Amino acid sequence: METNAIAVKVENLSRSFGSIEALKGISFEIPTGTVFGLLGPNGSGKTTTIRLLLGLLEADSGRAEVLGMDPIRQGGAVREVCGALLEHTGLYERLTALDNLEFYGRVWHLPKAEQAARIEELLKGIGLWERRKEVVGNWSRGMKQKLAVARALLHRPRLVFLDEPTAGLDPVASAALREDLLRLAEQSGVTVFLTTHNLAEAEKLCARVGVLREGRLLAVGAPEELRGRTSAQRVEIYGRKLDSETLLAQLNALPEVAAARLVNQHLVMDLKENADAADLVRFLVMRGADVDEVRKSGTSLEEVFLALMEEEEK
């Protein structure tokens, strides 16, 4: 398969439910082998997008192409080569983990030897092989979600849709599932379409993201491209005598400083375009501050996301 092939192509896709416009002419592409994240608050149209791409809903206008197929005319074929984890895990809680995956192996008509090898590969990859004979209903939500991801990947799909896979999980379970997803995606070479409103998760997992709000796609690109939409920079300064209210007021009055504040006993400054951090360090030293360390960083994906939300409201 071509390394630069397009797995998903969406052009001006729109869908309404009565008077509610769920999607308003969105367009984007996902290269093959990419982990793509569609970001947005609840109700922004993320799940509707997945359902349209799987051929479970029909668009009002626009078109989509999934692995070279039209999901409306060839919905069955699209779903055969895709995996999906949507609102429900699809697990039978009275069965063991092994029984669940063997059941889905039969659904996908996997040969018995291939099925057994694939189940072992997936369960070992997510650390559940030793627990394969346990009844799923007794498991934690995080373990069930891991097994559900394995279920979605069982038949070696070329594209897998994961609708907020870490929703409701505690931070430890979320981090573990993210690591498993990355490892499984890398090992399988599968294209992953992920929806989430967890910006930290998207930054760690996704090579490409789209930002959706109230059915409108506000931006799409690599996380670093979206962060590059703003030239703002952040400077963190560690040292002593930085906690003076007078000093903070003086900093916030400077034209090159967007905001200055104390965070966990160190100074954080958001700078405007073309501001010189060295000049600001000299400014602090001349006013009696003892500077031990200066760290510069760019805008986070979360800050870009919030800025896009604010722009859309204006």
Protein backbone atom coordinates (compact mmCIF):
# COMPACT_ATOMS: atom_id res chain seq x y z
CA MET A 1 0.00 0.00 0.00
CA GLU A 2 1.28 3.51 -0.75
CA THR A 3 2.69 5.23 2.30
CA ASN A 4 1.04 8.50 1.28
CA ALA A 5 -2.36 6.97 0.44
CA ILE A 6 -5.47 8.55 1.88
CA ALA A 7 -7.49 6.34 4.23
CA VAL A 8 -10.37 8.80 4.76
CA LYS A 9 -11.45 11.73 2.61
CA VAL A 10 -14.33 14.01 3.61
CA GLU A 11 -15.65 16.85 1.43
CA ASN A 12 -18.25 19.37 2.63
CA LEU A 13 -20.08 16.77 4.71
CA SER A 14 -23.30 18.00 6.36
CA ARG A 15 -25.95 16.30 8.45
CA SER A 16 -28.96 17.63 10.36
CA PHE A 17 -31.39 16.07 12.80
CA GLY A 18 -34.56 18.09 12.46
CA SER A 19 -33.64 21.70 13.21
CA ILE A 20 -30.26 20.73 14.70
CA GLU A 21 -27.27 21.00 12.35
CA ALA A 22 -24.96 18.29 13.64
CA LEU A 23 -22.33 18.81 10.92
CA LYS A 24 -21.89 21.94 8.79
CA GLY A 25 -19.88 21.17 5.66
CA ILE A 26 -16.73 19.67 7.16
CA SER A 27 -13.73 18.62 5.02
CA PHE A 28 -10.53 16.77 5.94
CA GLU A 29 -8.24 13.92 4.91
CA ILE A 30 -6.49 11.19 6.93
CA PRO A 31 -3.31 9.62 5.49
CA THR A 32 -2.99 5.85 5.78
CA GLY A 33 -1.23 4.68 8.93
CA THR A 34 -2.01 7.89 10.84
CA VAL A 35 -3.51 8.25 14.32
CA PHE A 36 -6.06 11.02 13.73
CA GLY A 37 -7.92 12.74 16.54
CA LEU A 38 -11.22 14.56 16.10
CA LEU A 39 -11.43 16.91 19.08
CA GLY A 40 -14.42 18.74 20.43
CA PRO A 41 -16.76 19.15 23.39
CA ASN A 42 -19.74 16.86 23.87
CA GLY A 43 -22.37 17.50 21.21
CA SER A 44 -19.91 18.90 18.66
CA GLY A 45 -20.63 16.21 16.04
CA LYS A 46 -17.80 13.72 16.62
CA THR A 47 -19.96 10.59 16.91
CA THR A 48 -22.13 11.69 13.98
CA THR A 49 -18.98 11.92 11.85
CA ILE A 50 -18.00 8.34 12.70
CA ARG A 51 -21.50 7.04 11.95
CA LEU A 52 -21.46 8.75 8.56
CA LEU A 53 -18.05 7.26 7.73
CA LEU A 54 -19.23 3.77 8.68
CA GLY A 55 -22.34 4.10 6.53
CA LEU A 56 -24.67 3.96 9.55
CA LEU A 57 -26.07 7.40 8.67
CA GLU A 58 -26.54 9.15 5.33
CA ALA A 59 -25.27 12.69 4.83
CA ASP A 60 -27.59 15.51 3.78
CA SER A 61 -24.88 16.84 1.46
CA GLY A 62 -21.22 16.40 0.66
CA ARG A 63 -19.37 13.12 0.25
CA ALA A 64 -17.00 10.78 2.06
CA GLU A 65 -14.57 8.12 0.94
CA VAL A 66 -13.30 5.44 3.33
CA LEU A 67 -10.46 3.22 2.09
CA GLY A 68 -11.48 4.10 -1.44
CA MET A 69 -15.15 3.21 -0.90
CA ASP A 70 -18.38 5.17 -0.59
CA PRO A 71 -19.79 4.36 2.89
CA ILE A 72 -23.37 4.77 1.70
CA ARG A 73 -23.25 2.62 -1.45
CA GLN A 74 -20.64 0.22 -0.02
CA GLY A 75 -21.40 0.39 3.70
CA GLY A 76 -21.18 -3.35 4.24
CA ALA A 77 -17.76 -3.54 2.58
CA VAL A 78 -16.51 -0.55 4.61
CA ARG A 79 -17.59 -2.14 7.88
CA GLU A 80 -15.94 -5.45 6.91
CA VAL A 81 -12.49 -3.84 6.70
CA CYS A 82 -12.93 -1.45 9.63
CA GLY A 83 -13.00 -1.96 13.38
CA ALA A 84 -15.13 0.16 15.68
CA LEU A 85 -15.49 0.88 19.38
CA LEU A 86 -18.40 3.28 19.81
CA GLU A 87 -20.61 3.95 22.85
CA HIS A 88 -20.68 0.33 24.05
CA THR A 89 -17.85 -2.15 24.51
CA GLY A 90 -19.67 -4.94 22.66
CA LEU A 91 -18.55 -7.41 25.33
CA TYR A 92 -20.63 -10.20 26.86
CA GLU A 93 -19.99 -9.81 30.57
CA ARG A 94 -21.01 -13.35 31.53
CA LEU A 95 -18.30 -14.75 29.27
CA THR A 96 -14.56 -14.87 29.84
CA ALA A 97 -12.20 -12.62 27.90
CA LEU A 98 -11.14 -15.60 25.81
CA ASP A 99 -14.76 -16.61 25.10
CA ASN A 100 -15.56 -13.04 24.00
CA LEU A 101 -12.73 -12.86 21.51
CA GLU A 102 -13.35 -16.39 20.22
CA PHE A 103 -16.99 -15.44 19.61
CA TYR A 104 -15.95 -12.39 17.58
CA GLY A 105 -13.35 -14.51 15.79
CA ARG A 106 -16.18 -16.73 14.56
CA VAL A 107 -18.23 -13.67 13.58
CA TRP A 108 -15.32 -12.53 11.41
CA HIS A 109 -14.84 -16.08 10.03
CA LEU A 110 -11.21 -16.24 11.16
CA PRO A 111 -9.59 -19.66 10.69
CA LYS A 112 -9.17 -21.36 14.06
CA ALA A 113 -5.36 -21.34 14.10
CA GLU A 114 -5.20 -17.69 12.98
CA GLN A 115 -7.86 -16.76 15.54
CA ALA A 116 -5.94 -18.38 18.41
CA ALA A 117 -2.66 -16.71 17.42
CA ARG A 118 -4.30 -13.30 17.01
CA ILE A 119 -6.08 -13.50 20.39
CA GLU A 120 -2.82 -14.40 22.13
CA GLU A 121 -0.99 -11.57 20.34
CA LEU A 122 -3.58 -8.96 21.32
CA LEU A 123 -4.08 -10.07 24.92
CA LYS A 124 -0.34 -10.23 25.54
CA GLY A 125 -0.01 -6.77 23.96
CA ILE A 126 -2.41 -5.26 26.51
CA GLY A 127 -1.29 -7.34 29.49
CA LEU A 128 -4.45 -9.46 29.79
CA TRP A 129 -3.22 -12.84 28.57
CA GLU A 130 -2.85 -14.27 32.08
CA ARG A 131 -6.43 -13.23 32.85
CA ARG A 132 -8.03 -14.53 29.67
CA LYS A 133 -10.13 -17.16 31.51
CA GLU A 134 -11.69 -14.67 33.93
CA VAL A 135 -15.32 -13.58 33.56
CA VAL A 136 -15.37 -10.07 32.10
CA GLY A 137 -18.24 -8.87 34.30
CA ASN A 138 -15.91 -8.92 37.32
CA TRP A 139 -13.33 -6.68 35.67
CA SER A 140 -12.68 -2.97 36.16
CA ARG A 141 -13.90 -0.52 33.53
CA GLY A 142 -10.33 0.06 32.35
CA MET A 143 -9.73 -3.66 31.76
CA LYS A 144 -13.03 -3.99 29.90
CA GLN A 145 -12.11 -1.05 27.69
CA LYS A 146 -8.75 -2.62 26.87
CA LEU A 147 -10.50 -5.85 25.90
CA ALA A 148 -12.98 -3.88 23.78
CA VAL A 149 -10.09 -2.30 21.87
CA ALA A 150 -8.67 -5.79 21.28
CA ARG A 151 -12.10 -6.86 20.01
CA ALA A 152 -12.12 -3.97 17.53
CA LEU A 153 -8.65 -4.95 16.26
CA LEU A 154 -9.21 -8.72 16.20
CA HIS A 155 -9.81 -9.14 12.46
CA ARG A 156 -6.83 -6.93 11.53
CA PRO A 157 -8.88 -4.00 10.23
CA ARG A 158 -7.17 -1.47 7.99
CA LEU A 159 -8.96 1.36 9.81
CA VAL A 160 -10.31 1.45 13.36
CA PHE A 161 -12.76 3.99 14.82
CA LEU A 162 -12.53 4.65 18.57
CA ASP A 163 -15.18 6.98 20.00
CA GLU A 164 -13.79 8.50 23.24
CA PRO A 165 -12.12 5.24 24.30
CA THR A 166 -10.81 6.60 27.62
CA ALA A 167 -14.02 8.38 28.69
CA GLY A 168 -14.85 7.59 32.30
CA LEU A 169 -11.49 5.98 33.06
CA ASP A 170 -9.26 7.13 35.90
CA PRO A 171 -5.91 8.76 34.96
CA VAL A 172 -3.89 5.57 35.51
CA ALA A 173 -6.24 3.44 33.37
CA SER A 174 -6.35 6.17 30.69
CA ALA A 175 -2.56 6.35 30.47
CA ALA A 176 -2.27 2.56 30.26
CA LEU A 177 -4.87 2.37 27.48
CA ARG A 178 -3.13 5.17 25.53
CA GLU A 179 0.15 3.25 25.66
CA ASP A 180 -1.60 0.07 24.51
CA LEU A 181 -3.29 1.91 21.63
CA LEU A 182 -0.02 3.37 20.39
CA ARG A 183 1.75 0.03 20.61
CA LEU A 184 -1.04 -1.87 18.87
CA ALA A 185 -1.35 0.78 16.14
CA GLU A 186 2.41 0.70 15.50
CA GLN A 187 2.53 -3.10 15.44
CA SER A 188 -0.52 -3.45 13.19
CA GLY A 189 0.11 -0.46 10.91
CA VAL A 190 -3.58 0.35 11.24
CA THR A 191 -5.06 3.81 10.66
CA VAL A 192 -6.78 5.05 13.83
CA PHE A 193 -9.67 7.54 13.88
CA LEU A 194 -10.04 8.68 17.48
CA THR A 195 -12.57 11.08 18.97
CA THR A 196 -11.92 12.73 22.31
CA HIS A 197 -12.35 15.90 24.31
CA ASN A 198 -9.17 15.09 26.26
CA LEU A 199 -6.57 17.44 24.79
CA ALA A 200 -3.62 15.90 26.63
CA GLU A 201 -4.62 12.52 25.24
CA ALA A 202 -4.77 13.87 21.69
CA GLU A 203 -1.37 15.54 22.02
CA LYS A 204 0.21 12.25 23.10
CA LEU A 205 -1.55 9.96 20.63
CA CYS A 206 -2.30 11.82 17.43
CA ALA A 207 -0.12 12.71 14.46
CA ARG A 208 -2.98 14.79 13.06
CA VAL A 209 -6.01 16.41 14.68
CA GLY A 210 -9.18 18.25 13.74
CA VAL A 211 -11.03 20.65 16.05
CA LEU A 212 -14.83 20.47 15.87
CA ARG A 213 -17.33 22.79 17.53
CA GLU A 214 -21.10 22.73 17.04
CA GLY A 215 -20.67 20.85 13.77
CA ARG A 216 -18.08 23.20 12.30
CA LEU A 217 -14.46 22.13 11.71
CA LEU A 218 -12.37 25.02 13.03
CA ALA A 219 -8.90 23.70 12.23
CA VAL A 220 -7.12 20.55 11.05
CA GLY A 221 -3.44 19.60 10.96
CA ALA A 222 -0.58 18.17 12.98
CA PRO A 223 -0.57 19.27 16.65
CA GLU A 224 2.59 21.31 16.06
CA GLU A 225 0.90 23.05 13.10
CA LEU A 226 -2.05 24.03 15.27
CA ARG A 227 0.26 25.24 18.00
CA GLY A 228 2.03 27.27 15.33
CA ARG A 229 -1.18 29.18 14.62
CA THR A 230 -0.10 31.47 17.42
CA SER A 231 3.38 32.92 17.75
CA ALA A 232 2.95 33.35 21.49
CA GLN A 233 5.59 31.85 23.72
CA ARG A 234 5.67 31.00 27.38
CA VAL A 235 8.58 31.57 29.75
CA GLU A 236 8.85 29.91 33.16
CA ILE A 237 11.31 31.47 35.59
CA TYR A 238 12.56 29.76 38.74
CA GLY A 239 14.40 31.50 41.54
CA ARG A 240 13.82 33.71 44.57
CA LYS A 241 12.18 37.06 45.21
CA LEU A 242 9.75 36.51 42.35
CA ASP A 243 6.56 36.66 44.43
CA SER A 244 6.29 40.42 44.91
CA GLU A 245 2.87 41.80 43.96
CA THR A 246 4.59 44.99 42.86
CA LEU A 247 6.87 43.02 40.53
CA LEU A 248 3.91 41.12 39.03
CA ALA A 249 2.07 44.39 38.46
CA GLN A 250 5.14 45.87 36.72
CA LEU A 251 5.48 42.82 34.47
CA ASN A 252 1.81 42.84 33.50
CA ALA A 253 2.14 46.51 32.58
CA LEU A 254 4.89 45.80 30.02
CA PRO A 255 3.69 45.90 26.38
CA GLU A 256 5.50 42.66 25.48
CA VAL A 257 3.89 40.64 28.31
CA ALA A 258 0.43 39.16 27.70
CA ALA A 259 0.15 37.82 31.26
CA ALA A 260 2.42 37.16 34.23
CA ARG A 261 1.48 35.06 37.25
CA LEU A 262 2.88 32.86 39.99
CA VAL A 263 2.36 29.10 39.61
CA ASN A 264 3.69 26.71 42.27
CA GLN A 265 6.29 29.18 43.52
CA HIS A 266 7.67 30.04 40.08
CA LEU A 267 6.91 32.83 37.62
CA VAL A 268 5.04 32.10 34.38
CA MET A 269 4.89 34.72 31.64
CA ASP A 270 2.95 34.53 28.37
CA LEU A 271 4.72 36.78 25.90
CA LYS A 272 3.44 38.62 22.87
CA GLU A 273 4.92 38.28 19.39
CA ASN A 274 8.62 39.19 19.07
CA ALA A 275 9.08 39.66 22.82
CA ASP A 276 12.66 39.11 24.04
CA ALA A 277 12.84 36.82 27.08
CA ALA A 278 16.40 37.94 27.83
CA ASP A 279 15.24 41.53 28.24
CA LEU A 280 12.60 40.39 30.73
CA VAL A 281 15.14 38.40 32.73
CA ARG A 282 17.31 41.54 32.96
CA PHE A 283 14.22 43.47 34.02
CA LEU A 284 13.67 41.03 36.89
CA VAL A 285 17.31 41.01 38.01
CA MET A 286 17.46 44.81 38.05
CA ARG A 287 14.49 44.77 40.44
CA GLY A 288 16.18 42.42 42.90
CA ALA A 289 15.00 38.99 41.73
CA ASP A 290 17.41 36.04 41.92
CA VAL A 291 16.94 34.00 38.72
CA ASP A 292 18.15 30.37 38.85
CA GLU A 293 16.54 28.89 35.73
CA VAL A 294 14.62 30.02 32.64
CA ARG A 295 12.49 27.61 30.57
CA LYS A 296 10.87 28.56 27.26
CA SER A 297 7.94 26.67 25.77
CA GLY A 298 5.35 27.13 23.07
CA THR A 299 1.60 27.17 23.29
CA SER A 300 0.00 23.86 24.28
CA LEU A 301 -2.64 22.14 22.15
CA GLU A 302 -5.14 22.76 24.95
CA GLU A 303 -4.50 26.51 24.77
CA VAL A 304 -4.89 26.48 20.98
CA PHE A 305 -8.16 24.54 21.37
CA LEU A 306 -9.52 27.04 23.91
CA ALA A 307 -8.43 29.96 21.72
CA LEU A 308 -10.30 28.43 18.76
CA MET A 309 -13.41 28.00 20.93
CA GLU A 310 -13.20 31.66 22.00
CA GLU A 311 -12.69 32.87 18.40
CA GLU A 312 -15.77 30.94 17.29
CA GLU A 313 -17.91 32.60 19.98
CA LYS A 314 -16.98 36.11 18.87
